[in-house]
PDB file of N, CA and C in Angstrom:
ATOM      1  N   MET A   1      38.167  94.117 100.513  1.00  0.00           N
ATOM      2  CA  MET A   1      39.363  94.335 101.314  1.00  0.00           C
ATOM      3  C   MET A   1      39.270  93.474 102.568  1.00  0.00           C
ATOM      4  N   GLN A   2      40.361  92.855 102.910  1.00  0.00           N
ATOM      5  CA  GLN A   2      40.430  92.055 104.134  1.00  0.00           C
ATOM      6  C   GLN A   2      40.352  92.995 105.343  1.00  0.00           C
ATOM      7  N   THR A   3      39.559  92.644 106.330  1.00  0.00           N
ATOM      8  CA  THR A   3      39.429  93.507 107.501  1.00  0.00           C
ATOM      9  C   THR A   3      40.659  93.478 108.395  1.00  0.00           C
ATOM     10  N   ASP A   4      41.482  92.437 108.274  1.00  0.00           N
ATOM     11  CA  ASP A   4      42.695  92.389 109.086  1.00  0.00           C
ATOM     12  C   ASP A   4      43.845  93.154 108.429  1.00  0.00           C
ATOM     13  N   GLU A   5      43.642  93.618 107.193  1.00  0.00           N
ATOM     14  CA  GLU A   5      44.649  94.427 106.503  1.00  0.00           C
ATOM     15  C   GLU A   5      44.436  95.891 106.847  1.00  0.00           C
ATOM     16  N   ARG A   6      45.490  96.566 107.270  1.00  0.00           N
ATOM     17  CA  ARG A   6      45.375  97.990 107.573  1.00  0.00           C
ATOM     18  C   ARG A   6      45.424  98.791 106.285  1.00  0.00           C
ATOM     19  N   ILE A   7      44.536  99.784 106.179  1.00  0.00           N
ATOM     20  CA  ILE A   7      44.612 100.687 105.039  1.00  0.00           C
ATOM     21  C   ILE A   7      45.639 101.758 105.355  1.00  0.00           C
ATOM     22  N   GLU A   8      46.114 102.437 104.338  1.00  0.00           N
ATOM     23  CA  GLU A   8      47.214 103.391 104.503  1.00  0.00           C
ATOM     24  C   GLU A   8      46.947 104.449 105.570  1.00  0.00           C
ATOM     25  N   GLU A   9      45.736 104.995 105.606  1.00  0.00           N
ATOM     26  CA  GLU A   9      45.431 106.052 106.562  1.00  0.00           C
ATOM     27  C   GLU A   9      45.613 105.595 108.007  1.00  0.00           C
ATOM     28  N   GLU A  10      45.424 104.308 108.243  1.00  0.00           N
ATOM     29  CA  GLU A  10      45.522 103.780 109.605  1.00  0.00           C
ATOM     30  C   GLU A  10      46.934 103.857 110.167  1.00  0.00           C
ATOM     31  N   THR A  11      47.918 104.105 109.326  1.00  0.00           N
ATOM     32  CA  THR A  11      49.296 104.223 109.794  1.00  0.00           C
ATOM     33  C   THR A  11      49.596 105.626 110.328  1.00  0.00           C
ATOM     34  N   LEU A  12      48.687 106.568 110.129  1.00  0.00           N
ATOM     35  CA  LEU A  12      48.907 107.943 110.574  1.00  0.00           C
ATOM     36  C   LEU A  12      48.686 108.078 112.075  1.00  0.00           C
ATOM     37  N   PRO A  13      49.495 108.929 112.732  1.00  0.00           N
ATOM     38  CA  PRO A  13      49.243 109.189 114.149  1.00  0.00           C
ATOM     39  C   PRO A  13      47.866 109.846 114.293  1.00  0.00           C
ATOM     40  N   ASN A  14      47.171 109.556 115.347  1.00  0.00           N
ATOM     41  CA  ASN A  14      45.851 110.131 115.635  1.00  0.00           C
ATOM     42  C   ASN A  14      44.779 109.737 114.625  1.00  0.00           C
ATOM     43  N   TYR A  15      44.967 108.625 113.929  1.00  0.00           N
ATOM     44  CA  TYR A  15      43.972 108.150 112.961  1.00  0.00           C
ATOM     45  C   TYR A  15      42.686 107.750 113.677  1.00  0.00           C
ATOM     46  N   LYS A  16      41.547 108.207 113.142  1.00  0.00           N
ATOM     47  CA  LYS A  16      40.226 107.794 113.635  1.00  0.00           C
ATOM     48  C   LYS A  16      39.376 107.505 112.406  1.00  0.00           C
ATOM     49  N   SER A  17      38.950 106.274 112.258  1.00  0.00           N
ATOM     50  CA  SER A  17      38.204 105.880 111.057  1.00  0.00           C
ATOM     51  C   SER A  17      36.926 106.688 110.870  1.00  0.00           C
ATOM     52  N   SER A  18      36.320 107.141 111.938  1.00  0.00           N
ATOM     53  CA  SER A  18      35.061 107.886 111.835  1.00  0.00           C
ATOM     54  C   SER A  18      35.220 109.225 111.118  1.00  0.00           C
ATOM     55  N   ARG A  19      36.447 109.717 110.991  1.00  0.00           N
ATOM     56  CA  ARG A  19      36.667 110.996 110.313  1.00  0.00           C
ATOM     57  C   ARG A  19      36.773 110.856 108.799  1.00  0.00           C
ATOM     58  N   TYR A  20      37.078 109.655 108.315  1.00  0.00           N
ATOM     59  CA  TYR A  20      37.260 109.435 106.878  1.00  0.00           C
ATOM     60  C   TYR A  20      35.982 108.908 106.246  1.00  0.00           C
ATOM     61  N   TYR A  21      35.594 109.477 105.121  1.00  0.00           N
ATOM     62  CA  TYR A  21      34.412 109.012 104.403  1.00  0.00           C
ATOM     63  C   TYR A  21      34.714 107.626 103.832  1.00  0.00           C
ATOM     64  N   PRO A  22      33.825 106.648 104.025  1.00  0.00           N
ATOM     65  CA  PRO A  22      34.086 105.288 103.523  1.00  0.00           C
ATOM     66  C   PRO A  22      33.941 105.223 102.001  1.00  0.00           C
ATOM     67  N   VAL A  23      35.048 105.106 101.314  1.00  0.00           N
ATOM     68  CA  VAL A  23      35.074 105.155  99.850  1.00  0.00           C
ATOM     69  C   VAL A  23      35.461 103.794  99.290  1.00  0.00           C
ATOM     70  N   GLN A  24      34.831 103.416  98.205  1.00  0.00           N
ATOM     71  CA  GLN A  24      35.158 102.189  97.483  1.00  0.00           C
ATOM     72  C   GLN A  24      35.454 102.540  96.024  1.00  0.00           C
ATOM     73  N   ILE A  25      36.382 101.803  95.420  1.00  0.00           N
ATOM     74  CA  ILE A  25      36.627 101.951  93.989  1.00  0.00           C
ATOM     75  C   ILE A  25      35.301 101.703  93.265  1.00  0.00           C
ATOM     76  N   ARG A  26      35.029 102.489  92.260  1.00  0.00           N
ATOM     77  CA  ARG A  26      33.806 102.471  91.431  1.00  0.00           C
ATOM     78  C   ARG A  26      32.638 103.229  92.061  1.00  0.00           C
ATOM     79  N   ASP A  27      32.820 103.791  93.279  1.00  0.00           N
ATOM     80  CA  ASP A  27      31.784 104.672  93.822  1.00  0.00           C
ATOM     81  C   ASP A  27      31.622 105.848  92.872  1.00  0.00           C
ATOM     82  N   VAL A  28      30.408 106.380  92.776  1.00  0.00           N
ATOM     83  CA  VAL A  28      30.131 107.536  91.921  1.00  0.00           C
ATOM     84  C   VAL A  28      29.612 108.660  92.808  1.00  0.00           C
ATOM     85  N   PHE A  29      30.250 109.828  92.714  1.00  0.00           N
ATOM     86  CA  PHE A  29      29.857 110.996  93.483  1.00  0.00           C
ATOM     87  C   PHE A  29      29.094 111.957  92.588  1.00  0.00           C
ATOM     88  N   GLN A  30      28.039 112.523  93.121  1.00  0.00           N
ATOM     89  CA  GLN A  30      27.187 113.493  92.428  1.00  0.00           C
ATOM     90  C   GLN A  30      26.690 112.962  91.085  1.00  0.00           C
ATOM     91  N   ASP A  31      26.481 111.665  90.989  1.00  0.00           N
ATOM     92  CA  ASP A  31      26.037 111.036  89.736  1.00  0.00           C
ATOM     93  C   ASP A  31      26.940 111.412  88.569  1.00  0.00           C
ATOM     94  N   ARG A  32      28.214 111.659  88.867  1.00  0.00           N
ATOM     95  CA  ARG A  32      29.104 112.162  87.822  1.00  0.00           C
ATOM     96  C   ARG A  32      30.518 111.606  87.890  1.00  0.00           C
ATOM     97  N   TYR A  33      31.136 111.621  89.056  1.00  0.00           N
ATOM     98  CA  TYR A  33      32.553 111.293  89.187  1.00  0.00           C
ATOM     99  C   TYR A  33      32.730 109.858  89.679  1.00  0.00           C
ATOM    100  N   GLU A  34      33.227 108.980  88.813  1.00  0.00           N
ATOM    101  CA  GLU A  34      33.448 107.582  89.180  1.00  0.00           C
ATOM    102  C   GLU A  34      34.886 107.397  89.647  1.00  0.00           C
ATOM    103  N   LEU A  35      35.051 106.885  90.873  1.00  0.00           N
ATOM    104  CA  LEU A  35      36.383 106.696  91.435  1.00  0.00           C
ATOM    105  C   LEU A  35      37.048 105.477  90.819  1.00  0.00           C
ATOM    106  N   LEU A  36      38.260 105.685  90.309  1.00  0.00           N
ATOM    107  CA  LEU A  36      38.999 104.610  89.653  1.00  0.00           C
ATOM    108  C   LEU A  36      40.170 104.108  90.480  1.00  0.00           C
ATOM    109  N   GLY A  37      40.722 104.948  91.346  1.00  0.00           N
ATOM    110  CA  GLY A  37      41.847 104.519  92.170  1.00  0.00           C
ATOM    111  C   GLY A  37      42.293 105.604  93.126  1.00  0.00           C
ATOM    112  N   LYS A  38      42.933 105.184  94.200  1.00  0.00           N
ATOM    113  CA  LYS A  38      43.439 106.137  95.183  1.00  0.00           C
ATOM    114  C   LYS A  38      44.803 106.650  94.742  1.00  0.00           C
ATOM    115  N   LEU A  39      44.968 107.970  94.801  1.00  0.00           N
ATOM    116  CA  LEU A  39      46.255 108.585  94.473  1.00  0.00           C
ATOM    117  C   LEU A  39      47.088 108.839  95.720  1.00  0.00           C
ATOM    118  N   GLY A  40      46.429 109.178  96.821  1.00  0.00           N
ATOM    119  CA  GLY A  40      47.191 109.480  98.018  1.00  0.00           C
ATOM    120  C   GLY A  40      46.303 109.703  99.223  1.00  0.00           C
ATOM    121  N   TYR A  41      46.931 109.968 100.343  1.00  0.00           N
ATOM    122  CA  TYR A  41      46.218 110.188 101.595  1.00  0.00           C
ATOM    123  C   TYR A  41      47.061 111.068 102.489  1.00  0.00           C
ATOM    124  N   GLY A  42      46.416 111.640 103.464  1.00  0.00           N
ATOM    125  CA  GLY A  42      47.115 112.453 104.438  1.00  0.00           C
ATOM    126  C   GLY A  42      46.290 112.559 105.700  1.00  0.00           C
ATOM    127  N   ALA A  43      46.738 113.391 106.600  1.00  0.00           N
ATOM    128  CA  ALA A  43      46.067 113.532 107.886  1.00  0.00           C
ATOM    129  C   ALA A  43      44.684 114.153 107.751  1.00  0.00           C
ATOM    130  N   THR A  44      44.435 114.894 106.666  1.00  0.00           N
ATOM    131  CA  THR A  44      43.156 115.594 106.535  1.00  0.00           C
ATOM    132  C   THR A  44      42.341 115.214 105.306  1.00  0.00           C
ATOM    133  N   SER A  45      42.821 114.276 104.476  1.00  0.00           N
ATOM    134  CA  SER A  45      42.055 113.939 103.270  1.00  0.00           C
ATOM    135  C   SER A  45      42.597 112.690 102.584  1.00  0.00           C
ATOM    136  N   THR A  46      41.794 112.198 101.641  1.00  0.00           N
ATOM    137  CA  THR A  46      42.259 111.195 100.683  1.00  0.00           C
ATOM    138  C   THR A  46      42.055 111.795  99.296  1.00  0.00           C
ATOM    139  N   THR A  47      42.877 111.380  98.342  1.00  0.00           N
ATOM    140  CA  THR A  47      42.825 111.924  96.992  1.00  0.00           C
ATOM    141  C   THR A  47      42.625 110.783  96.012  1.00  0.00           C
ATOM    142  N   TRP A  48      41.674 110.968  95.090  1.00  0.00           N
ATOM    143  CA  TRP A  48      41.246 109.894  94.203  1.00  0.00           C
ATOM    144  C   TRP A  48      41.294 110.306  92.739  1.00  0.00           C
ATOM    145  N   PHE A  49      41.701 109.376  91.888  1.00  0.00           N
ATOM    146  CA  PHE A  49      41.658 109.527  90.435  1.00  0.00           C
ATOM    147  C   PHE A  49      40.254 109.118  90.000  1.00  0.00           C
ATOM    148  N   CYS A  50      39.586 109.964  89.223  1.00  0.00           N
ATOM    149  CA  CYS A  50      38.217 109.630  88.832  1.00  0.00           C
ATOM    150  C   CYS A  50      37.942 110.033  87.390  1.00  0.00           C
ATOM    151  N   GLN A  51      36.882 109.471  86.854  1.00  0.00           N
ATOM    152  CA  GLN A  51      36.444 109.824  85.508  1.00  0.00           C
ATOM    153  C   GLN A  51      35.162 110.630  85.614  1.00  0.00           C
ATOM    154  N   ASP A  52      35.158 111.758  84.933  1.00  0.00           N
ATOM    155  CA  ASP A  52      33.971 112.603  84.851  1.00  0.00           C
ATOM    156  C   ASP A  52      33.061 111.990  83.796  1.00  0.00           C
ATOM    157  N   GLN A  53      31.922 111.467  84.212  1.00  0.00           N
ATOM    158  CA  GLN A  53      31.017 110.763  83.306  1.00  0.00           C
ATOM    159  C   GLN A  53      30.367 111.694  82.284  1.00  0.00           C
ATOM    160  N   TYR A  54      30.279 112.999  82.587  1.00  0.00           N
ATOM    161  CA  TYR A  54      29.684 113.950  81.643  1.00  0.00           C
ATOM    162  C   TYR A  54      30.707 114.449  80.634  1.00  0.00           C
ATOM    163  N   ALA A  55      31.838 114.922  81.147  1.00  0.00           N
ATOM    164  CA  ALA A  55      32.870 115.492  80.269  1.00  0.00           C
ATOM    165  C   ALA A  55      33.711 114.413  79.592  1.00  0.00           C
ATOM    166  N   LYS A  56      33.597 113.168  80.075  1.00  0.00           N
ATOM    167  CA  LYS A  56      34.365 112.038  79.527  1.00  0.00           C
ATOM    168  C   LYS A  56      35.870 112.285  79.612  1.00  0.00           C
ATOM    169  N   ASP A  57      36.284 112.921  80.700  1.00  0.00           N
ATOM    170  CA  ASP A  57      37.711 113.087  80.933  1.00  0.00           C
ATOM    171  C   ASP A  57      38.012 112.679  82.371  1.00  0.00           C
ATOM    172  N   PHE A  58      39.236 112.911  82.795  1.00  0.00           N
ATOM    173  CA  PHE A  58      39.674 112.455  84.113  1.00  0.00           C
ATOM    174  C   PHE A  58      39.958 113.645  85.011  1.00  0.00           C
ATOM    175  N   LYS A  59      39.685 113.449  86.293  1.00  0.00           N
ATOM    176  CA  LYS A  59      39.896 114.506  87.270  1.00  0.00           C
ATOM    177  C   LYS A  59      40.430 113.882  88.561  1.00  0.00           C
ATOM    178  N   VAL A  60      40.808 114.737  89.486  1.00  0.00           N
ATOM    179  CA  VAL A  60      41.233 114.299  90.811  1.00  0.00           C
ATOM    180  C   VAL A  60      40.199 114.799  91.810  1.00  0.00           C
ATOM    181  N   LEU A  61      39.759 113.910  92.669  1.00  0.00           N
ATOM    182  CA  LEU A  61      38.775 114.242  93.693  1.00  0.00           C
ATOM    183  C   LEU A  61      39.447 114.148  95.054  1.00  0.00           C
ATOM    184  N   LYS A  62      39.356 115.218  95.819  1.00  0.00           N
ATOM    185  CA  LYS A  62      39.920 115.233  97.164  1.00  0.00           C
ATOM    186  C   LYS A  62      38.765 115.171  98.152  1.00  0.00           C
ATOM    187  N   ILE A  63      38.806 114.180  99.039  1.00  0.00           N
ATOM    188  CA  ILE A  63      37.754 114.006 100.037  1.00  0.00           C
ATOM    189  C   ILE A  63      38.353 114.315 101.404  1.00  0.00           C
ATOM    190  N   CYS A  64      37.907 115.414 101.990  1.00  0.00           N
ATOM    191  CA  CYS A  64      38.432 115.860 103.282  1.00  0.00           C
ATOM    192  C   CYS A  64      37.797 115.073 104.419  1.00  0.00           C
ATOM    193  N   ILE A  65      38.527 114.994 105.517  1.00  0.00           N
ATOM    194  CA  ILE A  65      38.000 114.300 106.692  1.00  0.00           C
ATOM    195  C   ILE A  65      36.869 115.114 107.303  1.00  0.00           C
ATOM    196  N   HIS A  66      36.065 114.433 108.097  1.00  0.00           N
ATOM    197  CA  HIS A  66      34.988 115.096 108.823  1.00  0.00           C
ATOM    198  C   HIS A  66      35.547 115.538 110.166  1.00  0.00           C
ATOM    199  N   GLU A  67      35.800 116.813 110.271  1.00  0.00           N
ATOM    200  CA  GLU A  67      36.283 117.363 111.537  1.00  0.00           C
ATOM    201  C   GLU A  67      35.951 118.839 111.534  1.00  0.00           C
ATOM    202  N   SER A  68      35.341 119.289 112.565  1.00  0.00           N
ATOM    203  CA  SER A  68      34.879 120.666 112.643  1.00  0.00           C
ATOM    204  C   SER A  68      35.985 121.657 112.291  1.00  0.00           C
ATOM    205  N   GLY A  69      35.723 122.507 111.302  1.00  0.00           N
ATOM    206  CA  GLY A  69      36.663 123.558 110.932  1.00  0.00           C
ATOM    207  C   GLY A  69      37.666 123.195 109.866  1.00  0.00           C
ATOM    208  N   ARG A  70      38.085 121.953 109.771  1.00  0.00           N
ATOM    209  CA  ARG A  70      39.126 121.572 108.811  1.00  0.00           C
ATOM    210  C   ARG A  70      38.685 121.765 107.363  1.00  0.00           C
ATOM    211  N   SER A  71      37.465 121.348 107.046  1.00  0.00           N
ATOM    212  CA  SER A  71      36.979 121.477 105.674  1.00  0.00           C
ATOM    213  C   SER A  71      36.915 122.934 105.255  1.00  0.00           C
ATOM    214  N   LEU A  72      36.531 123.797 106.186  1.00  0.00           N
ATOM    215  CA  LEU A  72      36.467 125.215 105.871  1.00  0.00           C
ATOM    216  C   LEU A  72      37.849 125.765 105.565  1.00  0.00           C
ATOM    217  N   ARG A  73      38.863 125.310 106.279  1.00  0.00           N
ATOM    218  CA  ARG A  73      40.236 125.750 105.993  1.00  0.00           C
ATOM    219  C   ARG A  73      40.666 125.290 104.613  1.00  0.00           C
ATOM    220  N   GLU A  74      40.292 124.059 104.230  1.00  0.00           N
ATOM    221  CA  GLU A  74      40.607 123.558 102.887  1.00  0.00           C
ATOM    222  C   GLU A  74      39.960 124.447 101.835  1.00  0.00           C
ATOM    223  N   GLN A  75      38.690 124.786 102.028  1.00  0.00           N
ATOM    224  CA  GLN A  75      37.992 125.631 101.066  1.00  0.00           C
ATOM    225  C   GLN A  75      38.634 127.006 100.977  1.00  0.00           C
ATOM    226  N   ASP A  76      39.041 127.564 102.106  1.00  0.00           N
ATOM    227  CA  ASP A  76      39.731 128.857 102.102  1.00  0.00           C
ATOM    228  C   ASP A  76      41.032 128.777 101.312  1.00  0.00           C
ATOM    229  N   ALA A  77      41.786 127.696 101.519  1.00  0.00           N
ATOM    230  CA  ALA A  77      43.049 127.524 100.787  1.00  0.00           C
ATOM    231  C   ALA A  77      42.788 127.424  99.291  1.00  0.00           C
ATOM    232  N   TYR A  78      41.775 126.670  98.886  1.00  0.00           N
ATOM    233  CA  TYR A  78      41.468 126.536  97.462  1.00  0.00           C
ATOM    234  C   TYR A  78      41.034 127.860  96.853  1.00  0.00           C
ATOM    235  N   SER A  79      40.337 128.669  97.619  1.00  0.00           N
ATOM    236  CA  SER A  79      39.956 129.995  97.132  1.00  0.00           C
ATOM    237  C   SER A  79      41.201 130.829  96.855  1.00  0.00           C
ATOM    238  N   GLN A  80      42.191 130.719  97.742  1.00  0.00           N
ATOM    239  CA  GLN A  80      43.449 131.438  97.539  1.00  0.00           C
ATOM    240  C   GLN A  80      44.184 130.919  96.304  1.00  0.00           C
ATOM    241  N   PHE A  81      44.254 129.593  96.151  1.00  0.00           N
ATOM    242  CA  PHE A  81      44.945 128.998  95.005  1.00  0.00           C
ATOM    243  C   PHE A  81      44.309 129.416  93.693  1.00  0.00           C
ATOM    244  N   SER A  82      42.983 129.432  93.646  1.00  0.00           N
ATOM    245  CA  SER A  82      42.299 129.719  92.386  1.00  0.00           C
ATOM    246  C   SER A  82      42.523 131.157  91.934  1.00  0.00           C
ATOM    247  N   GLY A  83      42.918 132.030  92.860  1.00  0.00           N
ATOM    248  CA  GLY A  83      43.185 133.414  92.502  1.00  0.00           C
ATOM    249  C   GLY A  83      44.603 133.663  92.014  1.00  0.00           C
ATOM    250  N   LEU A  84      45.471 132.650  92.094  1.00  0.00           N
ATOM    251  CA  LEU A  84      46.857 132.815  91.661  1.00  0.00           C
ATOM    252  C   LEU A  84      46.947 132.903  90.145  1.00  0.00           C
ATOM    253  N   ARG A  85      47.802 133.778  89.663  1.00  0.00           N
ATOM    254  CA  ARG A  85      48.040 133.916  88.224  1.00  0.00           C
ATOM    255  C   ARG A  85      49.530 133.709  87.960  1.00  0.00           C
ATOM    256  N   THR A  86      49.832 132.896  86.962  1.00  0.00           N
ATOM    257  CA  THR A  86      51.224 132.639  86.608  1.00  0.00           C
ATOM    258  C   THR A  86      51.325 132.304  85.133  1.00  0.00           C
ATOM    259  N   SER A  87      52.479 132.546  84.567  1.00  0.00           N
ATOM    260  CA  SER A  87      52.706 132.178  83.165  1.00  0.00           C
ATOM    261  C   SER A  87      53.367 130.799  83.070  1.00  0.00           C
ATOM    262  N   ASN A  88      53.715 130.216  84.200  1.00  0.00           N
ATOM    263  CA  ASN A  88      54.337 128.898  84.222  1.00  0.00           C
ATOM    264  C   ASN A  88      53.276 127.835  83.943  1.00  0.00           C
ATOM    265  N   VAL A  89      53.408 127.130  82.816  1.00  0.00           N
ATOM    266  CA  VAL A  89      52.401 126.136  82.433  1.00  0.00           C
ATOM    267  C   VAL A  89      52.374 124.940  83.382  1.00  0.00           C
ATOM    268  N   GLY A  90      53.421 124.758  84.161  1.00  0.00           N
ATOM    269  CA  GLY A  90      53.470 123.643  85.107  1.00  0.00           C
ATOM    270  C   GLY A  90      52.754 123.933  86.418  1.00  0.00           C
ATOM    271  N   LEU A  91      52.404 125.174  86.636  1.00  0.00           N
ATOM    272  CA  LEU A  91      51.717 125.558  87.867  1.00  0.00           C
ATOM    273  C   LEU A  91      50.282 125.956  87.546  1.00  0.00           C
ATOM    274  N   PHE A  92      49.358 125.101  87.886  1.00  0.00           N
ATOM    275  CA  PHE A  92      47.957 125.433  87.640  1.00  0.00           C
ATOM    276  C   PHE A  92      47.083 124.806  88.709  1.00  0.00           C
ATOM    277  N   PHE A  93      45.953 125.376  88.893  1.00  0.00           N
ATOM    278  CA  PHE A  93      44.973 124.847  89.839  1.00  0.00           C
ATOM    279  C   PHE A  93      43.597 125.256  89.360  1.00  0.00           C
ATOM    280  N   HIS A  94      42.683 124.312  89.348  1.00  0.00           N
ATOM    281  CA  HIS A  94      41.300 124.641  89.020  1.00  0.00           C
ATOM    282  C   HIS A  94      40.378 123.772  89.861  1.00  0.00           C
ATOM    283  N   SER A  95      39.517 124.409  90.607  1.00  0.00           N
ATOM    284  CA  SER A  95      38.520 123.684  91.394  1.00  0.00           C
ATOM    285  C   SER A  95      37.226 123.659  90.592  1.00  0.00           C
ATOM    286  N   TYR A  96      36.842 122.480  90.141  1.00  0.00           N
ATOM    287  CA  TYR A  96      35.636 122.354  89.332  1.00  0.00           C
ATOM    288  C   TYR A  96      34.379 122.420  90.174  1.00  0.00           C
ATOM    289  N   ASP A  97      34.442 121.873  91.364  1.00  0.00           N
ATOM    290  CA  ASP A  97      33.240 121.761  92.176  1.00  0.00           C
ATOM    291  C   ASP A  97      33.628 121.515  93.627  1.00  0.00           C
ATOM    292  N   GLN A  98      32.827 121.999  94.536  1.00  0.00           N
ATOM    293  CA  GLN A  98      33.010 121.705  95.954  1.00  0.00           C
ATOM    294  C   GLN A  98      31.645 121.361  96.515  1.00  0.00           C
ATOM    295  N   LYS A  99      31.583 120.286  97.257  1.00  0.00           N
ATOM    296  CA  LYS A  99      30.299 119.869  97.829  1.00  0.00           C
ATOM    297  C   LYS A  99      30.530 119.215  99.176  1.00  0.00           C
ATOM    298  N   LYS A 100      29.694 119.567 100.122  1.00  0.00           N
ATOM    299  CA  LYS A 100      29.740 118.960 101.445  1.00  0.00           C
ATOM    300  C   LYS A 100      28.865 117.718 101.415  1.00  0.00           C
ATOM    301  N   VAL A 101      29.417 116.573 101.847  1.00  0.00           N
ATOM    302  CA  VAL A 101      28.668 115.317 101.838  1.00  0.00           C
ATOM    303  C   VAL A 101      28.255 114.959 103.247  1.00  0.00           C
TER     304      VAL A 101
END
């Protein structure tokens, strides 16, 4: 990546590069999840399309920013989501793994 090119997160108000984990395409997390492309970004995270090297399928990896308290709020929200029950096949959520890096 050219250093004079701004990445998407840099367009956000209050952006600080030190809060975002430095990610590159093809990085592998936990010796398992290979990042294939960025799906999105926001004020508190980036979201990545990845391949699970063990299950040989695809997943989405969300990498939260480093900021005191924010990651804990994300984990609390995911705990709430995972407890939801619905018969609507279009509404689902499953957290496979959570790890602090």
